[in-house]
Amino acid sequence: MSWSPCQPNRRNVITGRPVRRHSREQPTNVEIIRHDQVQAFVNSGVTSHQLLFPENSKSLRVTITKVVLEPGAVSPRHRHPSSEQVWVALGGTGLILLANDEAVSFSTGELG
């Protein structure tokens, strides 16, 4: 059985509360970030394109950055205490330096 917004009495299996239904007619809050709103920072073979961050978006919890590293370049270990960070490897291989002094290898197509 497939779910549709019209099914009555759907409840969350964990909380038992009714599931909020989303109408196809509801407006969606979509932000379009234009090329001229993207800032790029370059430092020692690392180029960070700030695609979505608080200075060009209403979002305070999500930051999307395209980071391009030249072969052998290192982005210093750092934290993002107020936003989530997800890595998507578009090409190549490397190491993600984690906050707890661990390093995890990655390659093209993997998420971190």
C-alpha atoms as a PDB file:
ATOM      1  CA  MET A   1       0.000   0.000   0.000  1.00  0.00           C
ATOM      2  CA  SER A   2       1.427   3.381  -0.915  1.00  0.00           C
ATOM      3  CA  TRP A   3       0.943   6.403   1.305  1.00  0.00           C
ATOM      4  CA  SER A   4      -0.908   9.447   0.088  1.00  0.00           C
ATOM      5  CA  PRO A   5      -1.724  12.702   1.884  1.00  0.00           C
ATOM      6  CA  CYS A   6      -5.384  11.610   1.915  1.00  0.00           C
ATOM      7  CA  GLN A   7      -4.944   8.576   4.171  1.00  0.00           C
ATOM      8  CA  PRO A   8      -6.813   9.239   7.411  1.00  0.00           C
ATOM      9  CA  ASN A   9      -5.487   8.569  10.919  1.00  0.00           C
ATOM     10  CA  ARG A  10      -1.799   8.030  10.078  1.00  0.00           C
ATOM     11  CA  ARG A  11       0.237   7.933  13.316  1.00  0.00           C
ATOM     12  CA  ASN A  12       3.933   8.001  14.094  1.00  0.00           C
ATOM     13  CA  VAL A  13       4.876   4.448  15.106  1.00  0.00           C
ATOM     14  CA  ILE A  14       7.175   5.702  17.879  1.00  0.00           C
ATOM     15  CA  THR A  15       5.222   8.590  19.435  1.00  0.00           C
ATOM     16  CA  GLY A  16       1.693   7.573  18.448  1.00  0.00           C
ATOM     17  CA  ARG A  17       0.988  11.181  17.450  1.00  0.00           C
ATOM     18  CA  PRO A  18      -0.894  11.985  14.240  1.00  0.00           C
ATOM     19  CA  VAL A  19       1.363  12.457  11.220  1.00  0.00           C
ATOM     20  CA  ARG A  20       1.200  15.928   9.728  1.00  0.00           C
ATOM     21  CA  ARG A  21       0.021  15.797   6.150  1.00  0.00           C
ATOM     22  CA  HIS A  22       1.496  18.018   3.468  1.00  0.00           C
ATOM     23  CA  SER A  23      -0.831  19.286   0.799  1.00  0.00           C
ATOM     24  CA  ARG A  24       0.490  19.519  -2.729  1.00  0.00           C
ATOM     25  CA  GLU A  25      -1.060  22.988  -2.785  1.00  0.00           C
ATOM     26  CA  GLN A  26       1.093  24.392   0.049  1.00  0.00           C
ATOM     27  CA  PRO A  27       3.632  26.997  -1.032  1.00  0.00           C
ATOM     28  CA  THR A  28       7.260  25.957  -0.668  1.00  0.00           C
ATOM     29  CA  ASN A  29       9.912  28.277   0.711  1.00  0.00           C
ATOM     30  CA  VAL A  30      12.683  27.977  -1.834  1.00  0.00           C
ATOM     31  CA  GLU A  31      15.766  30.157  -1.884  1.00  0.00           C
ATOM     32  CA  ILE A  32      17.693  30.686  -5.091  1.00  0.00           C
ATOM     33  CA  ILE A  33      21.331  31.591  -4.528  1.00  0.00           C
ATOM     34  CA  ARG A  34      22.713  33.335  -7.596  1.00  0.00           C
ATOM     35  CA  HIS A  35      26.331  33.064  -8.804  1.00  0.00           C
ATOM     36  CA  ASP A  36      27.066  36.633  -7.752  1.00  0.00           C
ATOM     37  CA  GLN A  37      25.995  35.784  -4.180  1.00  0.00           C
ATOM     38  CA  VAL A  38      28.617  33.023  -3.813  1.00  0.00           C
ATOM     39  CA  GLN A  39      31.853  34.048  -2.128  1.00  0.00           C
ATOM     40  CA  ALA A  40      35.096  32.125  -2.678  1.00  0.00           C
ATOM     41  CA  PHE A  41      38.014  32.054  -0.277  1.00  0.00           C
ATOM     42  CA  VAL A  42      41.440  30.814  -1.423  1.00  0.00           C
ATOM     43  CA  ASN A  43      44.193  29.694   0.942  1.00  0.00           C
ATOM     44  CA  SER A  44      47.213  27.459   0.214  1.00  0.00           C
ATOM     45  CA  GLY A  45      45.683  25.344  -2.560  1.00  0.00           C
ATOM     46  CA  VAL A  46      42.220  25.215  -0.985  1.00  0.00           C
ATOM     47  CA  THR A  47      39.342  27.126  -2.597  1.00  0.00           C
ATOM     48  CA  SER A  48      36.112  27.282  -0.574  1.00  0.00           C
ATOM     49  CA  HIS A  49      32.993  28.427  -2.437  1.00  0.00           C
ATOM     50  CA  GLN A  50      30.356  29.438   0.141  1.00  0.00           C
ATOM     51  CA  LEU A  51      27.270  28.281  -1.782  1.00  0.00           C
ATOM     52  CA  LEU A  52      24.822  28.694   1.092  1.00  0.00           C
ATOM     53  CA  PHE A  53      25.652  30.298   4.443  1.00  0.00           C
ATOM     54  CA  PRO A  54      24.135  32.918   6.757  1.00  0.00           C
ATOM     55  CA  GLU A  55      25.518  35.843   4.744  1.00  0.00           C
ATOM     56  CA  ASN A  56      23.616  34.889   1.554  1.00  0.00           C
ATOM     57  CA  SER A  57      20.732  32.835   2.967  1.00  0.00           C
ATOM     58  CA  LYS A  58      18.021  32.828   5.608  1.00  0.00           C
ATOM     59  CA  SER A  59      19.321  29.471   6.836  1.00  0.00           C
ATOM     60  CA  LEU A  60      21.248  29.599  10.091  1.00  0.00           C
ATOM     61  CA  ARG A  61      21.650  25.828  10.541  1.00  0.00           C
ATOM     62  CA  VAL A  62      22.876  24.657   7.149  1.00  0.00           C
ATOM     63  CA  THR A  63      26.019  25.712   5.339  1.00  0.00           C
ATOM     64  CA  ILE A  64      26.874  24.334   1.889  1.00  0.00           C
ATOM     65  CA  THR A  65      30.440  24.851   0.729  1.00  0.00           C
ATOM     66  CA  LYS A  66      32.110  23.528  -2.409  1.00  0.00           C
ATOM     67  CA  VAL A  67      35.745  22.934  -1.457  1.00  0.00           C
ATOM     68  CA  VAL A  68      38.309  22.358  -4.218  1.00  0.00           C
ATOM     69  CA  LEU A  69      41.718  21.119  -3.100  1.00  0.00           C
ATOM     70  CA  GLU A  70      44.780  21.032  -5.308  1.00  0.00           C
ATOM     71  CA  PRO A  71      46.758  17.737  -5.122  1.00  0.00           C
ATOM     72  CA  GLY A  72      48.586  17.626  -1.796  1.00  0.00           C
ATOM     73  CA  ALA A  73      46.659  20.579  -0.310  1.00  0.00           C
ATOM     74  CA  VAL A  74      45.316  20.409   3.246  1.00  0.00           C
ATOM     75  CA  SER A  75      42.292  22.144   4.713  1.00  0.00           C
ATOM     76  CA  PRO A  76      43.169  22.658   8.395  1.00  0.00           C
ATOM     77  CA  ARG A  77      41.205  20.729  11.001  1.00  0.00           C
ATOM     78  CA  HIS A  78      38.273  22.893  12.115  1.00  0.00           C
ATOM     79  CA  ARG A  79      34.724  22.736  13.487  1.00  0.00           C
ATOM     80  CA  HIS A  80      31.313  24.051  12.491  1.00  0.00           C
ATOM     81  CA  PRO A  81      29.580  24.367  15.877  1.00  0.00           C
ATOM     82  CA  SER A  82      26.403  26.043  14.612  1.00  0.00           C
ATOM     83  CA  SER A  83      25.705  24.139  11.387  1.00  0.00           C
ATOM     84  CA  GLU A  84      25.729  20.651   9.912  1.00  0.00           C
ATOM     85  CA  GLN A  85      28.503  19.619   7.540  1.00  0.00           C
ATOM     86  CA  VAL A  86      28.341  16.842   4.926  1.00  0.00           C
ATOM     87  CA  TRP A  87      31.150  15.913   2.540  1.00  0.00           C
ATOM     88  CA  VAL A  88      30.498  14.626  -0.981  1.00  0.00           C
ATOM     89  CA  ALA A  89      33.599  13.584  -2.900  1.00  0.00           C
ATOM     90  CA  LEU A  90      33.074  14.645  -6.521  1.00  0.00           C
ATOM     91  CA  GLY A  91      36.477  13.354  -7.608  1.00  0.00           C
ATOM     92  CA  GLY A  92      39.782  12.048  -6.316  1.00  0.00           C
ATOM     93  CA  THR A  93      40.739  10.623  -2.936  1.00  0.00           C
ATOM     94  CA  GLY A  94      41.747  12.099   0.393  1.00  0.00           C
ATOM     95  CA  LEU A  95      41.479  12.113   4.167  1.00  0.00           C
ATOM     96  CA  ILE A  96      38.871  13.868   6.279  1.00  0.00           C
ATOM     97  CA  LEU A  97      40.468  15.134   9.487  1.00  0.00           C
ATOM     98  CA  LEU A  98      37.933  14.643  12.282  1.00  0.00           C
ATOM     99  CA  ALA A  99      37.738  16.695  15.474  1.00  0.00           C
ATOM    100  CA  ASN A 100      38.770  13.738  17.670  1.00  0.00           C
ATOM    101  CA  ASP A 101      42.209  13.466  15.957  1.00  0.00           C
ATOM    102  CA  GLU A 102      40.996  10.640  13.695  1.00  0.00           C
ATOM    103  CA  ALA A 103      41.326  10.657   9.918  1.00  0.00           C
ATOM    104  CA  VAL A 104      38.962   8.831   7.546  1.00  0.00           C
ATOM    105  CA  SER A 105      39.841   8.129   3.913  1.00  0.00           C
ATOM    106  CA  PHE A 106      37.370   8.861   1.108  1.00  0.00           C
ATOM    107  CA  SER A 107      37.156   8.581  -2.653  1.00  0.00           C
ATOM    108  CA  THR A 108      34.957   9.676  -5.554  1.00  0.00           C
ATOM    109  CA  GLY A 109      31.222   9.264  -4.916  1.00  0.00           C
ATOM    110  CA  GLU A 110      31.452   8.762  -1.157  1.00  0.00           C
ATOM    111  CA  LEU A 111      29.778  10.824   1.566  1.00  0.00           C
ATOM    112  CA  GLY A 112      31.271  11.894   4.864  1.00  0.00           C
END
